[in-house]
Amino acid sequence: MPEIEIHASAWRMVEVGRVVLFTHGQYLGRLAVIVEIIDHKRVLVDGPSKKENNQVPRHAVGLNNVIITPIVIPKLPRAAGRGPVAKAWEKAEVDSKWDQSAWAKRRDQREKRQGLSDFERFKVMKLKKQADLAPTAVSFAASESKLSPASSATSRDFDTDLRYVQSADHLIATLHNKHSVPYYLRKFLSTAMG
């Protein structure tokens, strides 16, 4: 009889050492690590974070109240005490890995946007409109800078054109949005500012 190989899926598995994120309850938005699997619906978690107001005491939680993250603390023994879990948490640098993840950055951005006042939302809208108009302003400044000040009495002087290019370049640098500015305009700005 031939030997059959079974491969595990690439999905995040419920395992001891897996970091979870609370989605419900009083620990909403906090991280904890699975210390023991109680049954197919509940796990024992512990969250020894060094961040203020992010610690989670050891308790049983239903898997429907947490989301499993891709972060794993390797070789964490089953039912480890609070001290070994805290040491493993620090060694694995769970807090820094979480802060650098795109998931955490999106959550922070969402929380900031939800906390904006009406006037701050208005300012964000205006900045987005300026960002959308930046390629038009840069192309206009580029076409104007090709004209020499002596060639046309109605053209603006070179310093004014350079001021437009600098402000557009500053806007591009602050937004870091390469999709809103075509490549040839970014190339022009880098050579003009050179």
N, C-alpha and C. Protein backbone atom coordinates (compact mmCIF):
# COMPACT_ATOMS: atom_id res chain seq x y z
N MET A 1 0.84 -1.17 0.00
CA MET A 1 0.00 0.00 0.00
C MET A 1 0.89 1.24 0.00
N PRO A 2 0.61 2.20 -0.91
CA PRO A 2 1.47 3.39 -0.98
C PRO A 2 1.30 4.28 0.26
N GLU A 3 2.37 4.98 0.56
CA GLU A 3 2.35 5.87 1.73
C GLU A 3 1.71 7.21 1.34
N ILE A 4 0.84 7.69 2.17
CA ILE A 4 0.11 8.93 1.90
C ILE A 4 0.72 10.06 2.72
N GLU A 5 0.98 11.18 2.05
CA GLU A 5 1.50 12.36 2.75
C GLU A 5 0.36 13.34 2.97
N ILE A 6 0.28 13.85 4.17
CA ILE A 6 -0.74 14.84 4.50
C ILE A 6 -0.04 16.14 4.84
N HIS A 7 -0.38 17.20 4.14
CA HIS A 7 0.22 18.51 4.36
C HIS A 7 -0.78 19.42 5.06
N ALA A 8 -0.29 20.17 6.01
CA ALA A 8 -1.15 21.13 6.71
C ALA A 8 -1.44 22.31 5.80
N SER A 9 -2.59 22.90 5.98
CA SER A 9 -2.96 24.05 5.17
C SER A 9 -2.16 25.27 5.63
N ALA A 10 -2.17 26.30 4.82
CA ALA A 10 -1.44 27.51 5.14
C ALA A 10 -2.26 28.46 6.01
N TRP A 11 -3.44 28.03 6.46
CA TRP A 11 -4.28 28.88 7.28
C TRP A 11 -3.66 29.05 8.66
N ARG A 12 -4.03 30.13 9.33
CA ARG A 12 -3.59 30.34 10.71
C ARG A 12 -4.28 29.30 11.59
N MET A 13 -3.49 28.60 12.36
CA MET A 13 -4.03 27.52 13.18
C MET A 13 -4.17 27.97 14.62
N VAL A 14 -5.16 27.37 15.31
CA VAL A 14 -5.29 27.58 16.75
C VAL A 14 -4.26 26.66 17.39
N GLU A 15 -3.26 27.26 18.02
CA GLU A 15 -2.17 26.50 18.62
C GLU A 15 -1.63 27.25 19.82
N VAL A 16 -0.97 26.54 20.69
CA VAL A 16 -0.33 27.17 21.84
C VAL A 16 0.79 28.05 21.32
N GLY A 17 0.82 29.31 21.76
CA GLY A 17 1.81 30.26 21.30
C GLY A 17 1.31 31.22 20.24
N ARG A 18 0.12 30.99 19.74
CA ARG A 18 -0.46 31.88 18.72
C ARG A 18 -1.01 33.13 19.40
N VAL A 19 -0.72 34.29 18.82
CA VAL A 19 -1.20 35.56 19.37
C VAL A 19 -2.58 35.85 18.79
N VAL A 20 -3.48 36.28 19.65
CA VAL A 20 -4.86 36.59 19.23
C VAL A 20 -5.18 38.04 19.56
N LEU A 21 -6.15 38.58 18.84
CA LEU A 21 -6.63 39.95 19.03
C LEU A 21 -8.08 39.89 19.45
N PHE A 22 -8.41 40.55 20.54
CA PHE A 22 -9.79 40.55 21.04
C PHE A 22 -10.66 41.44 20.16
N THR A 23 -11.84 40.92 19.79
CA THR A 23 -12.78 41.67 18.97
C THR A 23 -14.05 42.07 19.73
N HIS A 24 -14.25 41.47 20.92
CA HIS A 24 -15.43 41.76 21.72
C HIS A 24 -15.04 41.81 23.19
N GLY A 25 -15.90 42.43 23.99
CA GLY A 25 -15.72 42.40 25.43
C GLY A 25 -14.88 43.54 25.96
N GLN A 26 -14.50 43.42 27.23
CA GLN A 26 -13.78 44.51 27.89
C GLN A 26 -12.33 44.62 27.44
N TYR A 27 -11.79 43.62 26.76
CA TYR A 27 -10.41 43.67 26.29
C TYR A 27 -10.33 43.94 24.79
N LEU A 28 -11.31 44.60 24.26
CA LEU A 28 -11.40 44.90 22.84
C LEU A 28 -10.12 45.59 22.33
N GLY A 29 -9.53 45.05 21.28
CA GLY A 29 -8.35 45.65 20.66
C GLY A 29 -7.04 45.27 21.32
N ARG A 30 -7.05 44.41 22.32
CA ARG A 30 -5.83 44.02 23.02
C ARG A 30 -5.31 42.67 22.50
N LEU A 31 -4.02 42.47 22.66
CA LEU A 31 -3.38 41.23 22.23
C LEU A 31 -3.18 40.29 23.41
N ALA A 32 -3.27 39.00 23.13
CA ALA A 32 -2.98 37.96 24.12
C ALA A 32 -2.43 36.75 23.38
N VAL A 33 -1.86 35.81 24.13
CA VAL A 33 -1.31 34.60 23.53
C VAL A 33 -2.09 33.40 24.07
N ILE A 34 -2.29 32.42 23.20
CA ILE A 34 -2.97 31.19 23.61
C ILE A 34 -1.99 30.36 24.44
N VAL A 35 -2.38 30.07 25.69
CA VAL A 35 -1.53 29.30 26.60
C VAL A 35 -1.96 27.84 26.63
N GLU A 36 -3.26 27.60 26.51
CA GLU A 36 -3.79 26.23 26.55
C GLU A 36 -5.08 26.18 25.76
N ILE A 37 -5.32 25.07 25.09
CA ILE A 37 -6.56 24.87 24.34
C ILE A 37 -7.49 24.06 25.24
N ILE A 38 -8.63 24.63 25.59
CA ILE A 38 -9.58 23.97 26.49
C ILE A 38 -10.42 22.97 25.71
N ASP A 39 -11.09 23.43 24.68
CA ASP A 39 -11.84 22.56 23.78
C ASP A 39 -11.88 23.23 22.42
N HIS A 40 -12.74 22.72 21.53
CA HIS A 40 -12.75 23.25 20.16
C HIS A 40 -13.36 24.65 20.06
N LYS A 41 -13.89 25.19 21.15
CA LYS A 41 -14.48 26.54 21.10
C LYS A 41 -13.85 27.51 22.08
N ARG A 42 -13.03 27.04 23.03
CA ARG A 42 -12.48 27.92 24.04
C ARG A 42 -10.99 27.68 24.21
N VAL A 43 -10.28 28.76 24.56
CA VAL A 43 -8.85 28.67 24.83
C VAL A 43 -8.53 29.48 26.08
N LEU A 44 -7.40 29.17 26.70
CA LEU A 44 -6.91 29.93 27.84
C LEU A 44 -5.87 30.90 27.30
N VAL A 45 -6.05 32.22 27.57
CA VAL A 45 -5.15 33.23 27.03
C VAL A 45 -4.50 34.02 28.16
N ASP A 46 -3.38 34.64 27.82
CA ASP A 46 -2.66 35.49 28.76
C ASP A 46 -2.00 36.59 27.94
N GLY A 47 -2.11 37.83 28.39
CA GLY A 47 -1.56 38.96 27.64
C GLY A 47 -0.63 39.80 28.47
N PRO A 48 0.66 39.43 28.57
CA PRO A 48 1.60 40.16 29.42
C PRO A 48 2.26 41.34 28.71
N SER A 49 1.51 42.17 28.04
CA SER A 49 2.08 43.29 27.30
C SER A 49 2.70 44.32 28.24
N LYS A 50 3.79 44.95 27.79
CA LYS A 50 4.43 46.01 28.57
C LYS A 50 3.75 47.36 28.37
N LYS A 51 2.90 47.46 27.36
CA LYS A 51 2.20 48.72 27.11
C LYS A 51 1.15 48.96 28.18
N GLU A 52 0.99 50.23 28.49
CA GLU A 52 0.01 50.61 29.50
C GLU A 52 -1.40 50.35 28.98
N ASN A 53 -2.26 49.80 29.82
CA ASN A 53 -3.66 49.48 29.50
C ASN A 53 -3.81 48.46 28.38
N ASN A 54 -2.79 47.64 28.13
CA ASN A 54 -2.90 46.59 27.12
C ASN A 54 -2.75 45.20 27.70
N GLN A 55 -2.60 45.09 28.98
CA GLN A 55 -2.43 43.77 29.58
C GLN A 55 -3.77 43.07 29.68
N VAL A 56 -3.72 41.74 29.51
CA VAL A 56 -4.90 40.90 29.60
C VAL A 56 -4.61 39.84 30.64
N PRO A 57 -5.43 39.74 31.69
CA PRO A 57 -5.20 38.68 32.69
C PRO A 57 -5.52 37.31 32.10
N ARG A 58 -4.94 36.29 32.71
CA ARG A 58 -5.17 34.92 32.24
C ARG A 58 -6.63 34.54 32.49
N HIS A 59 -7.29 34.14 31.43
CA HIS A 59 -8.68 33.68 31.55
C HIS A 59 -9.07 32.89 30.31
N ALA A 60 -10.18 32.19 30.39
CA ALA A 60 -10.71 31.43 29.26
C ALA A 60 -11.54 32.37 28.39
N VAL A 61 -11.42 32.19 27.10
CA VAL A 61 -12.15 33.03 26.15
C VAL A 61 -12.64 32.15 25.00
N GLY A 62 -13.81 32.48 24.48
CA GLY A 62 -14.34 31.77 23.32
C GLY A 62 -13.62 32.22 22.06
N LEU A 63 -13.41 31.29 21.14
CA LEU A 63 -12.71 31.62 19.89
C LEU A 63 -13.53 32.56 19.01
N ASN A 64 -14.83 32.67 19.27
CA ASN A 64 -15.64 33.60 18.49
C ASN A 64 -15.46 35.05 18.97
N ASN A 65 -14.72 35.26 20.06
CA ASN A 65 -14.47 36.62 20.56
C ASN A 65 -13.07 37.12 20.24
N VAL A 66 -12.29 36.35 19.51
CA VAL A 66 -10.93 36.74 19.16
C VAL A 66 -10.67 36.47 17.68
N ILE A 67 -9.65 37.14 17.16
CA ILE A 67 -9.17 36.88 15.80
C ILE A 67 -7.74 36.36 15.93
N ILE A 68 -7.44 35.32 15.20
CA ILE A 68 -6.10 34.74 15.24
C ILE A 68 -5.19 35.56 14.33
N THR A 69 -4.04 36.00 14.85
CA THR A 69 -3.09 36.79 14.08
C THR A 69 -2.00 35.88 13.51
N PRO A 70 -1.21 36.36 12.58
CA PRO A 70 -0.11 35.54 12.05
C PRO A 70 1.09 35.45 12.98
N ILE A 71 1.09 36.14 14.09
CA ILE A 71 2.23 36.17 15.01
C ILE A 71 2.18 34.94 15.92
N VAL A 72 3.31 34.25 16.04
CA VAL A 72 3.41 33.05 16.87
C VAL A 72 4.63 33.18 17.79
N ILE A 73 4.45 32.82 19.05
CA ILE A 73 5.59 32.71 19.97
C ILE A 73 6.07 31.27 19.88
N PRO A 74 7.27 31.05 19.33
CA PRO A 74 7.70 29.66 19.11
C PRO A 74 8.06 28.94 20.40
N LYS A 75 7.76 27.65 20.41
CA LYS A 75 8.14 26.74 21.50
C LYS A 75 7.65 27.18 22.87
N LEU A 76 6.46 27.73 22.93
CA LEU A 76 5.87 28.09 24.22
C LEU A 76 5.28 26.83 24.83
N PRO A 77 5.69 26.43 26.04
CA PRO A 77 5.15 25.20 26.63
C PRO A 77 3.68 25.35 26.99
N ARG A 78 2.97 24.24 26.95
CA ARG A 78 1.54 24.25 27.28
C ARG A 78 1.35 24.63 28.75
N ALA A 79 0.36 25.44 29.02
CA ALA A 79 -0.01 25.87 30.38
C ALA A 79 1.16 26.52 31.11
N ALA A 80 1.98 27.26 30.40
CA ALA A 80 3.11 27.96 31.01
C ALA A 80 2.58 29.04 31.96
N GLY A 81 3.34 29.32 33.02
CA GLY A 81 2.94 30.33 33.98
C GLY A 81 3.11 31.73 33.44
N ARG A 82 2.68 32.71 34.23
CA ARG A 82 2.73 34.12 33.79
C ARG A 82 4.16 34.58 33.52
N GLY A 83 5.12 34.17 34.35
CA GLY A 83 6.52 34.59 34.17
C GLY A 83 7.13 34.08 32.87
N PRO A 84 7.07 32.77 32.59
CA PRO A 84 7.61 32.28 31.32
C PRO A 84 6.91 32.86 30.09
N VAL A 85 5.61 33.09 30.21
CA VAL A 85 4.88 33.68 29.08
C VAL A 85 5.37 35.11 28.83
N ALA A 86 5.59 35.89 29.91
CA ALA A 86 6.07 37.26 29.76
C ALA A 86 7.47 37.28 29.14
N LYS A 87 8.34 36.35 29.56
CA LYS A 87 9.69 36.29 28.99
C LYS A 87 9.65 35.92 27.51
N ALA A 88 8.81 34.95 27.17
CA ALA A 88 8.68 34.54 25.77
C ALA A 88 8.08 35.67 24.92
N TRP A 89 7.14 36.41 25.51
CA TRP A 89 6.51 37.56 24.83
C TRP A 89 7.57 38.61 24.47
N GLU A 90 8.44 38.91 25.45
CA GLU A 90 9.50 39.89 25.22
C GLU A 90 10.53 39.38 24.23
N LYS A 91 10.89 38.11 24.34
CA LYS A 91 11.90 37.53 23.45
C LYS A 91 11.39 37.53 22.00
N ALA A 92 10.12 37.22 21.81
CA ALA A 92 9.54 37.19 20.47
C ALA A 92 9.20 38.58 19.94
N GLU A 93 9.31 39.61 20.78
CA GLU A 93 9.03 41.01 20.40
C GLU A 93 7.64 41.14 19.76
N VAL A 94 6.65 40.62 20.44
CA VAL A 94 5.29 40.60 19.92
C VAL A 94 4.75 42.01 19.73
N ASP A 95 4.98 42.89 20.71
CA ASP A 95 4.45 44.26 20.61
C ASP A 95 5.03 45.00 19.40
N SER A 96 6.32 44.88 19.17
CA SER A 96 6.93 45.58 18.03
C SER A 96 6.49 44.96 16.70
N LYS A 97 6.36 43.64 16.65
CA LYS A 97 5.87 43.00 15.42
C LYS A 97 4.45 43.45 15.10
N TRP A 98 3.62 43.55 16.14
CA TRP A 98 2.25 43.98 15.93
C TRP A 98 2.21 45.43 15.47
N ASP A 99 3.01 46.30 16.10
CA ASP A 99 3.00 47.72 15.73
C ASP A 99 3.48 47.94 14.30
N GLN A 100 4.35 47.07 13.79
CA GLN A 100 4.87 47.22 12.44
C GLN A 100 3.98 46.58 11.39
N SER A 101 2.99 45.80 11.81
CA SER A 101 2.13 45.11 10.84
C SER A 101 1.17 46.10 10.18
N ALA A 102 0.80 45.80 8.96
CA ALA A 102 -0.15 46.64 8.23
C ALA A 102 -1.52 46.61 8.90
N TRP A 103 -1.85 45.50 9.51
CA TRP A 103 -3.12 45.33 10.21
C TRP A 103 -3.25 46.37 11.34
N ALA A 104 -2.21 46.48 12.15
CA ALA A 104 -2.23 47.43 13.27
C ALA A 104 -2.26 48.87 12.77
N LYS A 105 -1.52 49.14 11.71
CA LYS A 105 -1.51 50.50 11.15
C LYS A 105 -2.88 50.90 10.62
N ARG A 106 -3.55 49.96 9.96
CA ARG A 106 -4.90 50.26 9.46
C ARG A 106 -5.88 50.48 10.61
N ARG A 107 -5.76 49.69 11.69
CA ARG A 107 -6.63 49.88 12.86
C ARG A 107 -6.40 51.24 13.50
N ASP A 108 -5.12 51.65 13.62
CA ASP A 108 -4.82 52.97 14.18
C ASP A 108 -5.38 54.08 13.31
N GLN A 109 -5.22 53.93 11.99
CA GLN A 109 -5.73 54.94 11.08
C GLN A 109 -7.25 55.04 11.18
N ARG A 110 -7.93 53.91 11.27
CA ARG A 110 -9.38 53.90 11.39
C ARG A 110 -9.82 54.57 12.68
N GLU A 111 -9.11 54.29 13.77
CA GLU A 111 -9.45 54.92 15.05
C GLU A 111 -9.24 56.43 15.01
N LYS A 112 -8.16 56.87 14.37
CA LYS A 112 -7.92 58.31 14.25
C LYS A 112 -9.02 58.98 13.44
N ARG A 113 -9.42 58.35 12.34
CA ARG A 113 -10.46 58.93 11.50
C ARG A 113 -11.80 58.97 12.22
N GLN A 114 -12.09 57.97 13.03
CA GLN A 114 -13.35 57.97 13.78
C GLN A 114 -13.35 59.06 14.84
N GLY A 115 -12.19 59.46 15.31
CA GLY A 115 -12.10 60.47 16.35
C GLY A 115 -12.01 61.90 15.83
N LEU A 116 -12.05 62.09 14.51
CA LEU A 116 -11.95 63.43 13.95
C LEU A 116 -13.24 64.22 14.16
N SER A 117 -13.07 65.52 14.33
CA SER A 117 -14.24 66.39 14.40
C SER A 117 -14.70 66.72 12.98
N ASP A 118 -15.79 67.43 12.87
CA ASP A 118 -16.34 67.79 11.57
C ASP A 118 -15.36 68.67 10.79
N PHE A 119 -14.74 69.63 11.48
CA PHE A 119 -13.81 70.53 10.80
C PHE A 119 -12.55 69.77 10.36
N GLU A 120 -12.09 68.82 11.16
CA GLU A 120 -10.91 68.04 10.78
C GLU A 120 -11.21 67.15 9.57
N ARG A 121 -12.42 66.59 9.50
CA ARG A 121 -12.80 65.81 8.32
C ARG A 121 -12.85 66.71 7.08
N PHE A 122 -13.29 67.95 7.26
CA PHE A 122 -13.31 68.91 6.16
C PHE A 122 -11.89 69.20 5.67
N LYS A 123 -10.94 69.36 6.61
CA LYS A 123 -9.56 69.62 6.22
C LYS A 123 -8.96 68.43 5.47
N VAL A 124 -9.28 67.23 5.91
CA VAL A 124 -8.79 66.03 5.21
C VAL A 124 -9.35 65.98 3.80
N MET A 125 -10.62 66.32 3.63
CA MET A 125 -11.22 66.34 2.31
C MET A 125 -10.52 67.34 1.40
N LYS A 126 -10.21 68.53 1.93
CA LYS A 126 -9.53 69.55 1.13
C LYS A 126 -8.12 69.10 0.75
N LEU A 127 -7.41 68.45 1.67
CA LEU A 127 -6.07 67.95 1.36
C LEU A 127 -6.11 66.88 0.28
N LYS A 128 -7.13 66.03 0.32
CA LYS A 128 -7.26 65.01 -0.72
C LYS A 128 -7.51 65.65 -2.08
N LYS A 129 -8.33 66.70 -2.11
CA LYS A 129 -8.58 67.40 -3.37
C LYS A 129 -7.30 68.05 -3.89
N GLN A 130 -6.50 68.63 -2.99
CA GLN A 130 -5.23 69.21 -3.41
C GLN A 130 -4.30 68.15 -3.96
N ALA A 131 -4.31 66.98 -3.37
CA ALA A 131 -3.46 65.90 -3.84
C ALA A 131 -3.90 65.44 -5.23
N ASP A 132 -5.22 65.43 -5.48
CA ASP A 132 -5.71 65.04 -6.80
C ASP A 132 -5.36 66.08 -7.85
N LEU A 133 -5.29 67.35 -7.46
CA LEU A 133 -4.97 68.41 -8.40
C LEU A 133 -3.47 68.65 -8.56
N ALA A 134 -2.65 68.01 -7.75
CA ALA A 134 -1.20 68.24 -7.80
C ALA A 134 -0.59 67.93 -9.16
N PRO A 135 -0.95 66.84 -9.86
CA PRO A 135 -0.35 66.61 -11.17
C PRO A 135 -0.68 67.71 -12.17
N THR A 136 -1.89 68.27 -12.08
CA THR A 136 -2.28 69.35 -12.98
C THR A 136 -1.44 70.59 -12.71
N ALA A 137 -1.22 70.93 -11.44
CA ALA A 137 -0.43 72.10 -11.09
C ALA A 137 1.02 71.92 -11.52
N VAL A 138 1.54 70.72 -11.38
CA VAL A 138 2.93 70.46 -11.76
C VAL A 138 3.09 70.53 -13.26
N SER A 139 2.13 69.97 -14.03
CA SER A 139 2.25 70.02 -15.48
C SER A 139 2.11 71.46 -15.98
N PHE A 140 1.25 72.26 -15.33
CA PHE A 140 1.12 73.66 -15.70
C PHE A 140 2.43 74.41 -15.41
N ALA A 141 3.02 74.16 -14.25
CA ALA A 141 4.28 74.81 -13.91
C ALA A 141 5.38 74.36 -14.86
N ALA A 142 5.36 73.10 -15.27
CA ALA A 142 6.38 72.60 -16.19
C ALA A 142 6.25 73.28 -17.55
N SER A 143 5.03 73.46 -18.05
CA SER A 143 4.86 74.10 -19.35
C SER A 143 5.22 75.58 -19.27
N GLU A 144 4.93 76.24 -18.13
CA GLU A 144 5.28 77.65 -17.97
C GLU A 144 6.79 77.83 -17.82
N SER A 145 7.47 76.90 -17.17
CA SER A 145 8.91 77.08 -16.95
C SER A 145 9.70 76.89 -18.23
N LYS A 146 9.10 76.26 -19.26
CA LYS A 146 9.80 76.11 -20.54
C LYS A 146 9.91 77.45 -21.26
N LEU A 147 8.97 78.35 -20.98
CA LEU A 147 9.03 79.68 -21.58
C LEU A 147 10.02 80.54 -20.81
N SER A 148 10.83 81.24 -21.53
CA SER A 148 11.74 82.15 -20.83
C SER A 148 10.98 83.42 -20.48
N PRO A 149 11.36 84.11 -19.39
CA PRO A 149 10.65 85.33 -19.02
C PRO A 149 10.70 86.41 -20.10
N ALA A 150 11.75 86.42 -20.89
CA ALA A 150 11.88 87.45 -21.92
C ALA A 150 11.04 87.14 -23.14
N SER A 151 10.65 85.86 -23.33
CA SER A 151 9.94 85.50 -24.55
C SER A 151 8.49 85.96 -24.54
N SER A 152 7.90 86.11 -23.38
CA SER A 152 6.51 86.52 -23.32
C SER A 152 6.34 87.52 -22.19
N ALA A 153 5.66 88.60 -22.48
CA ALA A 153 5.46 89.63 -21.47
C ALA A 153 4.41 89.18 -20.45
N THR A 154 3.55 88.26 -20.83
CA THR A 154 2.50 87.83 -19.92
C THR A 154 2.91 86.63 -19.06
N SER A 155 4.02 85.99 -19.39
CA SER A 155 4.41 84.81 -18.60
C SER A 155 4.94 85.24 -17.24
N ARG A 156 4.75 84.34 -16.28
CA ARG A 156 5.24 84.63 -14.94
C ARG A 156 6.75 84.49 -14.91
N ASP A 157 7.38 85.13 -13.93
CA ASP A 157 8.84 85.04 -13.85
C ASP A 157 9.24 83.65 -13.35
N PHE A 158 10.52 83.32 -13.52
CA PHE A 158 11.04 81.98 -13.24
C PHE A 158 10.90 81.63 -11.76
N ASP A 159 11.08 82.62 -10.86
CA ASP A 159 10.99 82.34 -9.44
C ASP A 159 9.58 81.88 -9.05
N THR A 160 8.56 82.46 -9.66
CA THR A 160 7.20 82.05 -9.37
C THR A 160 6.96 80.62 -9.82
N ASP A 161 7.44 80.26 -11.03
CA ASP A 161 7.28 78.91 -11.52
C ASP A 161 8.01 77.91 -10.63
N LEU A 162 9.20 78.27 -10.18
CA LEU A 162 9.96 77.38 -9.31
C LEU A 162 9.24 77.19 -7.98
N ARG A 163 8.56 78.25 -7.51
CA ARG A 163 7.80 78.14 -6.26
C ARG A 163 6.68 77.12 -6.42
N TYR A 164 5.98 77.11 -7.57
CA TYR A 164 4.93 76.12 -7.81
C TYR A 164 5.50 74.71 -7.83
N VAL A 165 6.63 74.55 -8.48
CA VAL A 165 7.25 73.22 -8.56
C VAL A 165 7.67 72.75 -7.17
N GLN A 166 8.23 73.66 -6.36
CA GLN A 166 8.64 73.26 -5.03
C GLN A 166 7.44 72.87 -4.18
N SER A 167 6.36 73.59 -4.29
CA SER A 167 5.20 73.24 -3.47
C SER A 167 4.60 71.92 -3.92
N ALA A 168 4.57 71.67 -5.23
CA ALA A 168 4.05 70.40 -5.71
C ALA A 168 4.96 69.25 -5.29
N ASP A 169 6.27 69.47 -5.36
CA ASP A 169 7.22 68.44 -4.94
C ASP A 169 7.06 68.16 -3.45
N HIS A 170 6.85 69.22 -2.67
CA HIS A 170 6.64 69.04 -1.23
C HIS A 170 5.37 68.25 -0.96
N LEU A 171 4.32 68.54 -1.73
CA LEU A 171 3.06 67.84 -1.57
C LEU A 171 3.23 66.36 -1.92
N ILE A 172 3.96 66.06 -2.99
CA ILE A 172 4.20 64.68 -3.39
C ILE A 172 5.01 63.95 -2.32
N ALA A 173 6.01 64.62 -1.78
CA ALA A 173 6.85 63.98 -0.76
C ALA A 173 6.08 63.71 0.52
N THR A 174 5.17 64.61 0.89
CA THR A 174 4.43 64.40 2.13
C THR A 174 3.34 63.36 1.98
N LEU A 175 2.75 63.23 0.80
CA LEU A 175 1.67 62.27 0.62
C LEU A 175 2.15 60.86 0.32
N HIS A 176 3.32 60.71 -0.24
CA HIS A 176 3.89 59.41 -0.61
C HIS A 176 2.91 58.61 -1.47
N ASN A 177 2.22 59.29 -2.35
CA ASN A 177 1.23 58.61 -3.18
C ASN A 177 1.70 58.67 -4.62
N LYS A 178 2.42 57.66 -5.04
CA LYS A 178 3.01 57.66 -6.37
C LYS A 178 1.96 57.44 -7.45
N HIS A 179 0.78 56.92 -7.08
CA HIS A 179 -0.23 56.67 -8.09
C HIS A 179 -0.91 57.95 -8.54
N SER A 180 -0.89 59.00 -7.70
CA SER A 180 -1.57 60.23 -8.08
C SER A 180 -0.70 61.11 -8.96
N VAL A 181 0.61 60.84 -9.03
CA VAL A 181 1.51 61.65 -9.83
C VAL A 181 2.18 60.76 -10.86
N PRO A 182 2.04 61.05 -12.15
CA PRO A 182 2.67 60.22 -13.17
C PRO A 182 4.19 60.22 -13.05
N TYR A 183 4.79 59.17 -13.57
CA TYR A 183 6.23 58.97 -13.46
C TYR A 183 7.00 60.12 -14.11
N TYR A 184 6.57 60.57 -15.31
CA TYR A 184 7.32 61.62 -16.00
C TYR A 184 7.31 62.93 -15.22
N LEU A 185 6.23 63.21 -14.45
CA LEU A 185 6.22 64.42 -13.65
C LEU A 185 7.13 64.30 -12.44
N ARG A 186 7.16 63.09 -11.82
CA ARG A 186 8.10 62.88 -10.71
C ARG A 186 9.53 63.02 -11.22
N LYS A 187 9.80 62.50 -12.42
CA LYS A 187 11.15 62.60 -13.01
C LYS A 187 11.49 64.07 -13.27
N PHE A 188 10.52 64.84 -13.77
CA PHE A 188 10.76 66.26 -14.01
C PHE A 188 11.06 66.99 -12.72
N LEU A 189 10.30 66.67 -11.66
CA LEU A 189 10.53 67.33 -10.39
C LEU A 189 11.90 67.01 -9.81
N SER A 190 12.31 65.74 -9.97
CA SER A 190 13.62 65.37 -9.41
C SER A 190 14.74 66.07 -10.18
N THR A 191 14.59 66.26 -11.50
CA THR A 191 15.63 66.96 -12.26
C THR A 191 15.56 68.47 -12.03
N ALA A 192 14.34 69.00 -11.89
CA ALA A 192 14.21 70.44 -11.67
C ALA A 192 14.72 70.84 -10.31
N MET A 193 14.50 69.99 -9.33
CA MET A 193 14.92 70.30 -7.98
C MET A 193 16.40 69.98 -7.76
N GLY A 194 16.95 69.10 -8.62
CA GLY A 194 18.30 68.57 -8.56
C GLY A 194 19.33 69.42 -8.03
